PDB file of N, CA and C in Angstrom:
ATOM      1  N   MET A   1      37.234   0.002  -8.259  1.00  0.00           N
ATOM      2  CA  MET A   1      35.894   0.537  -8.364  1.00  0.00           C
ATOM      3  C   MET A   1      35.517   1.166  -7.017  1.00  0.00           C
ATOM      4  N   THR A   2      35.087   2.420  -7.033  1.00  0.00           N
ATOM      5  CA  THR A   2      34.696   3.095  -5.801  1.00  0.00           C
ATOM      6  C   THR A   2      33.250   2.756  -5.458  1.00  0.00           C
ATOM      7  N   ASP A   3      32.847   3.130  -4.250  1.00  0.00           N
ATOM      8  CA  ASP A   3      31.470   2.858  -3.819  1.00  0.00           C
ATOM      9  C   ASP A   3      30.449   3.556  -4.708  1.00  0.00           C
ATOM     10  N   ASN A   4      30.771   4.746  -5.206  1.00  0.00           N
ATOM     11  CA  ASN A   4      29.835   5.478  -6.058  1.00  0.00           C
ATOM     12  C   ASN A   4      29.701   4.843  -7.431  1.00  0.00           C
ATOM     13  N   ASP A   5      30.741   4.122  -7.883  1.00  0.00           N
ATOM     14  CA  ASP A   5      30.704   3.482  -9.191  1.00  0.00           C
ATOM     15  C   ASP A   5      30.015   2.120  -9.153  1.00  0.00           C
ATOM     16  N   ARG A   6      29.884   1.545  -7.983  1.00  0.00           N
ATOM     17  CA  ARG A   6      29.331   0.198  -7.840  1.00  0.00           C
ATOM     18  C   ARG A   6      27.820   0.231  -8.093  1.00  0.00           C
ATOM     19  N   PRO A   7      27.301  -0.671  -8.923  1.00  0.00           N
ATOM     20  CA  PRO A   7      25.860  -0.747  -9.139  1.00  0.00           C
ATOM     21  C   PRO A   7      25.151  -1.065  -7.824  1.00  0.00           C
ATOM     22  N   ALA A   8      23.917  -0.549  -7.680  1.00  0.00           N
ATOM     23  CA  ALA A   8      23.161  -0.725  -6.437  1.00  0.00           C
ATOM     24  C   ALA A   8      22.916  -2.196  -6.126  1.00  0.00           C
ATOM     25  N   ALA A   9      22.696  -3.016  -7.142  1.00  0.00           N
ATOM     26  CA  ALA A   9      22.352  -4.419  -6.913  1.00  0.00           C
ATOM     27  C   ALA A   9      23.559  -5.278  -6.536  1.00  0.00           C
ATOM     28  N   GLU A  10      24.786  -4.761  -6.724  1.00  0.00           N
ATOM     29  CA  GLU A  10      25.977  -5.578  -6.487  1.00  0.00           C
ATOM     30  C   GLU A  10      26.082  -6.043  -5.041  1.00  0.00           C
ATOM     31  N   ASP A  11      25.846  -5.155  -4.100  1.00  0.00           N
ATOM     32  CA  ASP A  11      25.945  -5.557  -2.697  1.00  0.00           C
ATOM     33  C   ASP A  11      24.579  -5.620  -2.013  1.00  0.00           C
ATOM     34  N   GLY A  12      23.513  -5.388  -2.751  1.00  0.00           N
ATOM     35  CA  GLY A  12      22.175  -5.497  -2.203  1.00  0.00           C
ATOM     36  C   GLY A  12      21.662  -4.228  -1.542  1.00  0.00           C
ATOM     37  N   PHE A  13      22.445  -3.173  -1.549  1.00  0.00           N
ATOM     38  CA  PHE A  13      22.031  -1.940  -0.910  1.00  0.00           C
ATOM     39  C   PHE A  13      21.937  -0.823  -1.939  1.00  0.00           C
ATOM     40  N   GLU A  14      20.990   0.097  -1.706  1.00  0.00           N
ATOM     41  CA  GLU A  14      20.846   1.234  -2.597  1.00  0.00           C
ATOM     42  C   GLU A  14      21.957   2.243  -2.342  1.00  0.00           C
ATOM     43  N   ARG A  15      22.279   3.024  -3.369  1.00  0.00           N
ATOM     44  CA  ARG A  15      23.245   4.102  -3.180  1.00  0.00           C
ATOM     45  C   ARG A  15      22.660   5.113  -2.208  1.00  0.00           C
ATOM     46  N   ARG A  16      23.543   5.838  -1.538  1.00  0.00           N
ATOM     47  CA  ARG A  16      23.108   6.798  -0.524  1.00  0.00           C
ATOM     48  C   ARG A  16      22.167   7.855  -1.104  1.00  0.00           C
ATOM     49  N   ASP A  17      22.446   8.387  -2.309  1.00  0.00           N
ATOM     50  CA  ASP A  17      21.563   9.397  -2.898  1.00  0.00           C
ATOM     51  C   ASP A  17      20.209   8.805  -3.260  1.00  0.00           C
ATOM     52  N   ALA A  18      20.182   7.535  -3.629  1.00  0.00           N
ATOM     53  CA  ALA A  18      18.902   6.880  -3.922  1.00  0.00           C
ATOM     54  C   ALA A  18      18.089   6.705  -2.645  1.00  0.00           C
ATOM     55  N   LEU A  19      18.763   6.556  -1.518  1.00  0.00           N
ATOM     56  CA  LEU A  19      18.051   6.433  -0.243  1.00  0.00           C
ATOM     57  C   LEU A  19      17.324   7.719   0.108  1.00  0.00           C
ATOM     58  N   TRP A  20      17.930   8.865  -0.181  1.00  0.00           N
ATOM     59  CA  TRP A  20      17.263  10.142   0.089  1.00  0.00           C
ATOM     60  C   TRP A  20      16.035  10.301  -0.791  1.00  0.00           C
ATOM     61  N   GLN A  21      16.157   9.861  -2.037  1.00  0.00           N
ATOM     62  CA  GLN A  21      15.002   9.908  -2.934  1.00  0.00           C
ATOM     63  C   GLN A  21      13.910   8.975  -2.424  1.00  0.00           C
ATOM     64  N   ARG A  22      14.308   7.799  -1.962  1.00  0.00           N
ATOM     65  CA  ARG A  22      13.332   6.853  -1.412  1.00  0.00           C
ATOM     66  C   ARG A  22      12.631   7.457  -0.195  1.00  0.00           C
ATOM     67  N   LEU A  23      13.370   8.183   0.643  1.00  0.00           N
ATOM     68  CA  LEU A  23      12.769   8.826   1.812  1.00  0.00           C
ATOM     69  C   LEU A  23      11.653   9.779   1.391  1.00  0.00           C
ATOM     70  N   LEU A  24      11.878  10.534   0.331  1.00  0.00           N
ATOM     71  CA  LEU A  24      10.842  11.448  -0.161  1.00  0.00           C
ATOM     72  C   LEU A  24       9.601  10.681  -0.617  1.00  0.00           C
ATOM     73  N   PHE A  25       9.822   9.576  -1.354  1.00  0.00           N
ATOM     74  CA  PHE A  25       8.689   8.765  -1.781  1.00  0.00           C
ATOM     75  C   PHE A  25       7.975   8.141  -0.591  1.00  0.00           C
ATOM     76  N   MET A  26       8.734   7.694   0.405  1.00  0.00           N
ATOM     77  CA  MET A  26       8.126   7.083   1.582  1.00  0.00           C
ATOM     78  C   MET A  26       7.261   8.101   2.339  1.00  0.00           C
ATOM     79  N   ALA A  27       7.735   9.334   2.451  1.00  0.00           N
ATOM     80  CA  ALA A  27       6.946  10.379   3.117  1.00  0.00           C
ATOM     81  C   ALA A  27       5.662  10.656   2.332  1.00  0.00           C
ATOM     82  N   LEU A  28       5.774  10.723   1.005  1.00  0.00           N
ATOM     83  CA  LEU A  28       4.594  10.919   0.166  1.00  0.00           C
ATOM     84  C   LEU A  28       3.585   9.786   0.352  1.00  0.00           C
ATOM     85  N   PHE A  29       4.083   8.544   0.346  1.00  0.00           N
ATOM     86  CA  PHE A  29       3.182   7.403   0.495  1.00  0.00           C
ATOM     87  C   PHE A  29       2.567   7.322   1.893  1.00  0.00           C
ATOM     88  N   LEU A  30       3.256   7.843   2.906  1.00  0.00           N
ATOM     89  CA  LEU A  30       2.648   7.897   4.240  1.00  0.00           C
ATOM     90  C   LEU A  30       1.411   8.789   4.244  1.00  0.00           C
ATOM     91  N   VAL A  31       1.517   9.935   3.581  1.00  0.00           N
ATOM     92  CA  VAL A  31       0.380  10.858   3.493  1.00  0.00           C
ATOM     93  C   VAL A  31      -0.754  10.218   2.685  1.00  0.00           C
ATOM     94  N   LEU A  32      -0.405   9.629   1.537  1.00  0.00           N
ATOM     95  CA  LEU A  32      -1.429   8.993   0.705  1.00  0.00           C
ATOM     96  C   LEU A  32      -2.075   7.801   1.412  1.00  0.00           C
ATOM     97  N   PHE A  33      -1.300   7.062   2.204  1.00  0.00           N
ATOM     98  CA  PHE A  33      -1.829   5.929   2.959  1.00  0.00           C
ATOM     99  C   PHE A  33      -2.860   6.418   3.972  1.00  0.00           C
ATOM    100  N   ALA A  34      -2.580   7.533   4.641  1.00  0.00           N
ATOM    101  CA  ALA A  34      -3.523   8.099   5.603  1.00  0.00           C
ATOM    102  C   ALA A  34      -4.824   8.528   4.918  1.00  0.00           C
ATOM    103  N   ILE A  35      -4.707   9.106   3.733  1.00  0.00           N
ATOM    104  CA  ILE A  35      -5.901   9.496   2.973  1.00  0.00           C
ATOM    105  C   ILE A  35      -6.694   8.251   2.585  1.00  0.00           C
ATOM    106  N   ALA A  36      -5.984   7.195   2.160  1.00  0.00           N
ATOM    107  CA  ALA A  36      -6.646   5.945   1.773  1.00  0.00           C
ATOM    108  C   ALA A  36      -7.351   5.313   2.967  1.00  0.00           C
ATOM    109  N   GLU A  37      -6.765   5.439   4.146  1.00  0.00           N
ATOM    110  CA  GLU A  37      -7.408   4.904   5.349  1.00  0.00           C
ATOM    111  C   GLU A  37      -8.744   5.609   5.594  1.00  0.00           C
ATOM    112  N   THR A  38      -8.778   6.907   5.391  1.00  0.00           N
ATOM    113  CA  THR A  38     -10.018   7.666   5.525  1.00  0.00           C
ATOM    114  C   THR A  38     -11.032   7.208   4.480  1.00  0.00           C
ATOM    115  N   LEU A  39     -10.553   6.937   3.263  1.00  0.00           N
ATOM    116  CA  LEU A  39     -11.445   6.427   2.215  1.00  0.00           C
ATOM    117  C   LEU A  39     -12.039   5.076   2.590  1.00  0.00           C
ATOM    118  N   ILE A  40     -11.247   4.216   3.219  1.00  0.00           N
ATOM    119  CA  ILE A  40     -11.760   2.908   3.656  1.00  0.00           C
ATOM    120  C   ILE A  40     -12.895   3.098   4.656  1.00  0.00           C
ATOM    121  N   TRP A  41     -12.706   4.017   5.600  1.00  0.00           N
ATOM    122  CA  TRP A  41     -13.777   4.311   6.555  1.00  0.00           C
ATOM    123  C   TRP A  41     -15.038   4.768   5.820  1.00  0.00           C
ATOM    124  N   ALA A  42     -14.865   5.684   4.870  1.00  0.00           N
ATOM    125  CA  ALA A  42     -16.010   6.236   4.140  1.00  0.00           C
ATOM    126  C   ALA A  42     -16.726   5.163   3.332  1.00  0.00           C
ATOM    127  N   ILE A  43     -15.983   4.320   2.605  1.00  0.00           N
ATOM    128  CA  ILE A  43     -16.666   3.310   1.788  1.00  0.00           C
ATOM    129  C   ILE A  43     -17.291   2.231   2.665  1.00  0.00           C
ATOM    130  N   THR A  44     -16.720   2.001   3.839  1.00  0.00           N
ATOM    131  CA  THR A  44     -17.333   1.042   4.767  1.00  0.00           C
ATOM    132  C   THR A  44     -18.713   1.539   5.199  1.00  0.00           C
ATOM    133  N   ILE A  45     -18.791   2.796   5.569  1.00  0.00           N
ATOM    134  CA  ILE A  45     -20.062   3.367   6.022  1.00  0.00           C
ATOM    135  C   ILE A  45     -21.067   3.424   4.882  1.00  0.00           C
ATOM    136  N   VAL A  46     -20.623   3.896   3.721  1.00  0.00           N
ATOM    137  CA  VAL A  46     -21.523   3.999   2.566  1.00  0.00           C
ATOM    138  C   VAL A  46     -22.018   2.616   2.144  1.00  0.00           C
ATOM    139  N   GLN A  47     -21.120   1.631   2.093  1.00  0.00           N
ATOM    140  CA  GLN A  47     -21.520   0.279   1.682  1.00  0.00           C
ATOM    141  C   GLN A  47     -22.509  -0.316   2.683  1.00  0.00           C
ATOM    142  N   PHE A  48     -22.284  -0.094   3.974  1.00  0.00           N
ATOM    143  CA  PHE A  48     -23.214  -0.613   4.975  1.00  0.00           C
ATOM    144  C   PHE A  48     -24.591   0.012   4.809  1.00  0.00           C
ATOM    145  N   LEU A  49     -24.636   1.330   4.636  1.00  0.00           N
ATOM    146  CA  LEU A  49     -25.929   1.995   4.439  1.00  0.00           C
ATOM    147  C   LEU A  49     -26.603   1.509   3.162  1.00  0.00           C
ATOM    148  N   TRP A  50     -25.828   1.323   2.112  1.00  0.00           N
ATOM    149  CA  TRP A  50     -26.370   0.800   0.859  1.00  0.00           C
ATOM    150  C   TRP A  50     -27.028  -0.558   1.089  1.00  0.00           C
ATOM    151  N   MET A  51     -26.306  -1.428   1.776  1.00  0.00           N
ATOM    152  CA  MET A  51     -26.821  -2.776   2.034  1.00  0.00           C
ATOM    153  C   MET A  51     -28.039  -2.735   2.958  1.00  0.00           C
ATOM    154  N   LEU A  52     -28.050  -1.810   3.898  1.00  0.00           N
ATOM    155  CA  LEU A  52     -29.158  -1.673   4.829  1.00  0.00           C
ATOM    156  C   LEU A  52     -30.453  -1.347   4.093  1.00  0.00           C
ATOM    157  N   PHE A  53     -30.370  -0.512   3.074  1.00  0.00           N
ATOM    158  CA  PHE A  53     -31.560  -0.082   2.338  1.00  0.00           C
ATOM    159  C   PHE A  53     -31.807  -0.849   1.048  1.00  0.00           C
ATOM    160  N   ASN A  54     -30.970  -1.857   0.742  1.00  0.00           N
ATOM    161  CA  ASN A  54     -31.137  -2.638  -0.484  1.00  0.00           C
ATOM    162  C   ASN A  54     -31.126  -4.134  -0.206  1.00  0.00           C
ATOM    163  N   ALA A  55     -31.829  -4.535   0.808  1.00  0.00           N
ATOM    164  CA  ALA A  55     -32.037  -5.959   1.149  1.00  0.00           C
ATOM    165  C   ALA A  55     -30.718  -6.730   1.278  1.00  0.00           C
ATOM    166  N   GLY A  56     -29.682  -6.076   1.800  1.00  0.00           N
ATOM    167  CA  GLY A  56     -28.422  -6.763   2.043  1.00  0.00           C
ATOM    168  C   GLY A  56     -27.524  -6.923   0.838  1.00  0.00           C
ATOM    169  N   ARG A  57     -27.946  -6.409  -0.318  1.00  0.00           N
ATOM    170  CA  ARG A  57     -27.121  -6.525  -1.530  1.00  0.00           C
ATOM    171  C   ARG A  57     -26.083  -5.410  -1.574  1.00  0.00           C
ATOM    172  N   PRO A  58     -24.807  -5.769  -1.741  1.00  0.00           N
ATOM    173  CA  PRO A  58     -23.767  -4.725  -1.799  1.00  0.00           C
ATOM    174  C   PRO A  58     -23.750  -4.015  -3.143  1.00  0.00           C
ATOM    175  N   ASN A  59     -23.238  -2.820  -3.143  1.00  0.00           N
ATOM    176  CA  ASN A  59     -23.020  -2.061  -4.364  1.00  0.00           C
ATOM    177  C   ASN A  59     -21.719  -2.562  -4.983  1.00  0.00           C
ATOM    178  N   GLN A  60     -21.779  -3.087  -6.200  1.00  0.00           N
ATOM    179  CA  GLN A  60     -20.609  -3.685  -6.847  1.00  0.00           C
ATOM    180  C   GLN A  60     -19.503  -2.673  -7.111  1.00  0.00           C
ATOM    181  N   SER A  61     -19.871  -1.458  -7.462  1.00  0.00           N
ATOM    182  CA  SER A  61     -18.864  -0.425  -7.726  1.00  0.00           C
ATOM    183  C   SER A  61     -18.065  -0.110  -6.464  1.00  0.00           C
ATOM    184  N   ILE A  62     -18.760   0.000  -5.355  1.00  0.00           N
ATOM    185  CA  ILE A  62     -18.075   0.269  -4.087  1.00  0.00           C
ATOM    186  C   ILE A  62     -17.197  -0.918  -3.710  1.00  0.00           C
ATOM    187  N   ALA A  63     -17.713  -2.128  -3.894  1.00  0.00           N
ATOM    188  CA  ALA A  63     -16.947  -3.332  -3.555  1.00  0.00           C
ATOM    189  C   ALA A  63     -15.674  -3.431  -4.405  1.00  0.00           C
ATOM    190  N   GLU A  64     -15.777  -3.144  -5.694  1.00  0.00           N
ATOM    191  CA  GLU A  64     -14.612  -3.198  -6.584  1.00  0.00           C
ATOM    192  C   GLU A  64     -13.596  -2.117  -6.230  1.00  0.00           C
ATOM    193  N   PHE A  65     -14.090  -0.915  -5.924  1.00  0.00           N
ATOM    194  CA  PHE A  65     -13.189   0.164  -5.525  1.00  0.00           C
ATOM    195  C   PHE A  65     -12.454  -0.212  -4.242  1.00  0.00           C
ATOM    196  N   GLY A  66     -13.161  -0.774  -3.283  1.00  0.00           N
ATOM    197  CA  GLY A  66     -12.541  -1.196  -2.030  1.00  0.00           C
ATOM    198  C   GLY A  66     -11.483  -2.262  -2.240  1.00  0.00           C
ATOM    199  N   ALA A  67     -11.759  -3.193  -3.136  1.00  0.00           N
ATOM    200  CA  ALA A  67     -10.788  -4.254  -3.423  1.00  0.00           C
ATOM    201  C   ALA A  67      -9.529  -3.681  -4.073  1.00  0.00           C
ATOM    202  N   ARG A  68      -9.703  -2.758  -5.005  1.00  0.00           N
ATOM    203  CA  ARG A  68      -8.551  -2.134  -5.665  1.00  0.00           C
ATOM    204  C   ARG A  68      -7.756  -1.273  -4.698  1.00  0.00           C
ATOM    205  N   LEU A  69      -8.467  -0.577  -3.817  1.00  0.00           N
ATOM    206  CA  LEU A  69      -7.790   0.226  -2.809  1.00  0.00           C
ATOM    207  C   LEU A  69      -6.990  -0.666  -1.865  1.00  0.00           C
ATOM    208  N   GLY A  70      -7.537  -1.822  -1.533  1.00  0.00           N
ATOM    209  CA  GLY A  70      -6.821  -2.771  -0.686  1.00  0.00           C
ATOM    210  C   GLY A  70      -5.537  -3.271  -1.328  1.00  0.00           C
ATOM    211  N   VAL A  71      -5.576  -3.524  -2.628  1.00  0.00           N
ATOM    212  CA  VAL A  71      -4.370  -3.948  -3.355  1.00  0.00           C
ATOM    213  C   VAL A  71      -3.325  -2.833  -3.326  1.00  0.00           C
ATOM    214  N   TRP A  72      -3.769  -1.598  -3.527  1.00  0.00           N
ATOM    215  CA  TRP A  72      -2.845  -0.466  -3.490  1.00  0.00           C
ATOM    216  C   TRP A  72      -2.224  -0.318  -2.100  1.00  0.00           C
ATOM    217  N   LEU A  73      -3.038  -0.454  -1.054  1.00  0.00           N
ATOM    218  CA  LEU A  73      -2.520  -0.361   0.313  1.00  0.00           C
ATOM    219  C   LEU A  73      -1.476  -1.439   0.583  1.00  0.00           C
ATOM    220  N   LYS A  74      -1.722  -2.634   0.059  1.00  0.00           N
ATOM    221  CA  LYS A  74      -0.767  -3.732   0.220  1.00  0.00           C
ATOM    222  C   LYS A  74       0.567  -3.388  -0.446  1.00  0.00           C
ATOM    223  N   ARG A  75       0.500  -2.813  -1.635  1.00  0.00           N
ATOM    224  CA  ARG A  75       1.717  -2.451  -2.362  1.00  0.00           C
ATOM    225  C   ARG A  75       2.469  -1.311  -1.683  1.00  0.00           C
ATOM    226  N   VAL A  76       1.728  -0.371  -1.117  1.00  0.00           N
ATOM    227  CA  VAL A  76       2.375   0.713  -0.370  1.00  0.00           C
ATOM    228  C   VAL A  76       3.084   0.140   0.850  1.00  0.00           C
ATOM    229  N   ALA A  77       2.427  -0.761   1.564  1.00  0.00           N
ATOM    230  CA  ALA A  77       3.050  -1.371   2.748  1.00  0.00           C
ATOM    231  C   ALA A  77       4.312  -2.138   2.367  1.00  0.00           C
ATOM    232  N   ALA A  78       4.300  -2.815   1.239  1.00  0.00           N
ATOM    233  CA  ALA A  78       5.488  -3.550   0.787  1.00  0.00           C
ATOM    234  C   ALA A  78       6.621  -2.586   0.446  1.00  0.00           C
ATOM    235  N   TYR A  79       6.296  -1.470  -0.181  1.00  0.00           N
ATOM    236  CA  TYR A  79       7.322  -0.472  -0.513  1.00  0.00           C
ATOM    237  C   TYR A  79       7.862   0.189   0.753  1.00  0.00           C
ATOM    238  N   GLN A  80       6.959   0.561   1.662  1.00  0.00           N
ATOM    239  CA  GLN A  80       7.366   1.241   2.892  1.00  0.00           C
ATOM    240  C   GLN A  80       8.268   0.361   3.752  1.00  0.00           C
ATOM    241  N   SER A  81       8.014  -0.932   3.758  1.00  0.00           N
ATOM    242  CA  SER A  81       8.804  -1.839   4.594  1.00  0.00           C
ATOM    243  C   SER A  81      10.042  -2.367   3.864  1.00  0.00           C
ATOM    244  N   ALA A  82      10.272  -1.884   2.648  1.00  0.00           N
ATOM    245  CA  ALA A  82      11.413  -2.268   1.809  1.00  0.00           C
ATOM    246  C   ALA A  82      11.357  -3.733   1.398  1.00  0.00           C
ATOM    247  N   ALA A  83      10.161  -4.301   1.371  1.00  0.00           N
ATOM    248  CA  ALA A  83      10.008  -5.651   0.840  1.00  0.00           C
ATOM    249  C   ALA A  83      10.159  -5.634  -0.677  1.00  0.00           C
ATOM    250  N   THR A  84       9.939  -4.463  -1.274  1.00  0.00           N
ATOM    251  CA  THR A  84      10.111  -4.285  -2.714  1.00  0.00           C
ATOM    252  C   THR A  84      10.587  -2.862  -2.981  1.00  0.00           C
ATOM    253  N   ASP A  85      11.241  -2.666  -4.111  1.00  0.00           N
ATOM    254  CA  ASP A  85      11.636  -1.330  -4.554  1.00  0.00           C
ATOM    255  C   ASP A  85      10.655  -0.781  -5.575  1.00  0.00           C
ATOM    256  N   GLU A  86       9.637  -1.563  -5.896  1.00  0.00           N
ATOM    257  CA  GLU A  86       8.658  -1.166  -6.907  1.00  0.00           C
ATOM    258  C   GLU A  86       7.611  -0.247  -6.286  1.00  0.00           C
ATOM    259  N   LYS A  87       7.560   0.986  -6.787  1.00  0.00           N
ATOM    260  CA  LYS A  87       6.610   1.952  -6.267  1.00  0.00           C
ATOM    261  C   LYS A  87       5.201   1.611  -6.775  1.00  0.00           C
ATOM    262  N   PRO A  88       4.195   1.804  -5.919  1.00  0.00           N
ATOM    263  CA  PRO A  88       2.822   1.538  -6.348  1.00  0.00           C
ATOM    264  C   PRO A  88       2.273   2.660  -7.236  1.00  0.00           C
ATOM    265  N   PHE A  89       0.995   2.538  -7.616  1.00  0.00           N
ATOM    266  CA  PHE A  89       0.324   3.553  -8.426  1.00  0.00           C
ATOM    267  C   PHE A  89       0.634   4.926  -7.863  1.00  0.00           C
ATOM    268  N   PRO A  90       0.932   5.893  -8.671  1.00  0.00           N
ATOM    269  CA  PRO A  90       0.768   5.999 -10.111  1.00  0.00           C
ATOM    270  C   PRO A  90       1.999   5.586 -10.917  1.00  0.00           C
ATOM    271  N   TRP A  91       3.021   5.057 -10.270  1.00  0.00           N
ATOM    272  CA  TRP A  91       4.211   4.599 -10.996  1.00  0.00           C
ATOM    273  C   TRP A  91       4.023   3.206 -11.567  1.00  0.00           C
ATOM    274  N   ARG A  92       2.996   2.551 -11.184  1.00  0.00           N
ATOM    275  CA  ARG A  92       2.721   1.194 -11.643  1.00  0.00           C
ATOM    276  C   ARG A  92       1.216   1.031 -11.813  1.00  0.00           C
ATOM    277  N   GLU A  93       0.821   0.188 -12.712  1.00  0.00           N
ATOM    278  CA  GLU A  93      -0.593  -0.091 -12.982  1.00  0.00           C
ATOM    279  C   GLU A  93      -1.262  -0.735 -11.778  1.00  0.00           C
ATOM    280  N   ILE A  94      -2.514  -0.368 -11.512  1.00  0.00           N
ATOM    281  CA  ILE A  94      -3.304  -1.046 -10.479  1.00  0.00           C
ATOM    282  C   ILE A  94      -3.971  -2.231 -11.142  1.00  0.00           C
ATOM    283  N   ASP A  95      -3.739  -3.411 -10.600  1.00  0.00           N
ATOM    284  CA  ASP A  95      -4.323  -4.629 -11.188  1.00  0.00           C
ATOM    285  C   ASP A  95      -5.775  -4.775 -10.823  1.00  0.00           C
TER     286      ASP A  95
END
C-alpha cells in the first residue's frame, strides 16, 4: 500500500492534498474570525449603551447573539489549532 492509498486516519495525519485544502479553509476562517472580533466590539458597545438607558437591563437578543458568536469563535479556534477537523458554521450547525 502506497502513502497515497493509505486512509488519512491510519497514521493520524491528513493526506498532503487535504492539507492544502485545510490551508484554504484556515485562511478563510482567519478573515471571518477578524470580522467576528469587530462584531464583538460592536455588540459590546451597543449592549452597554442599551443597559445604560434601560436601567441596567440587557437586551436579550444581543446577549443571545453574543453567546452564539462566542461558541462559533471557540469552534474556529479549535479548527485553526487542529484540535478538531470539524469545520464550524456554515459547514456545521450553530448550537
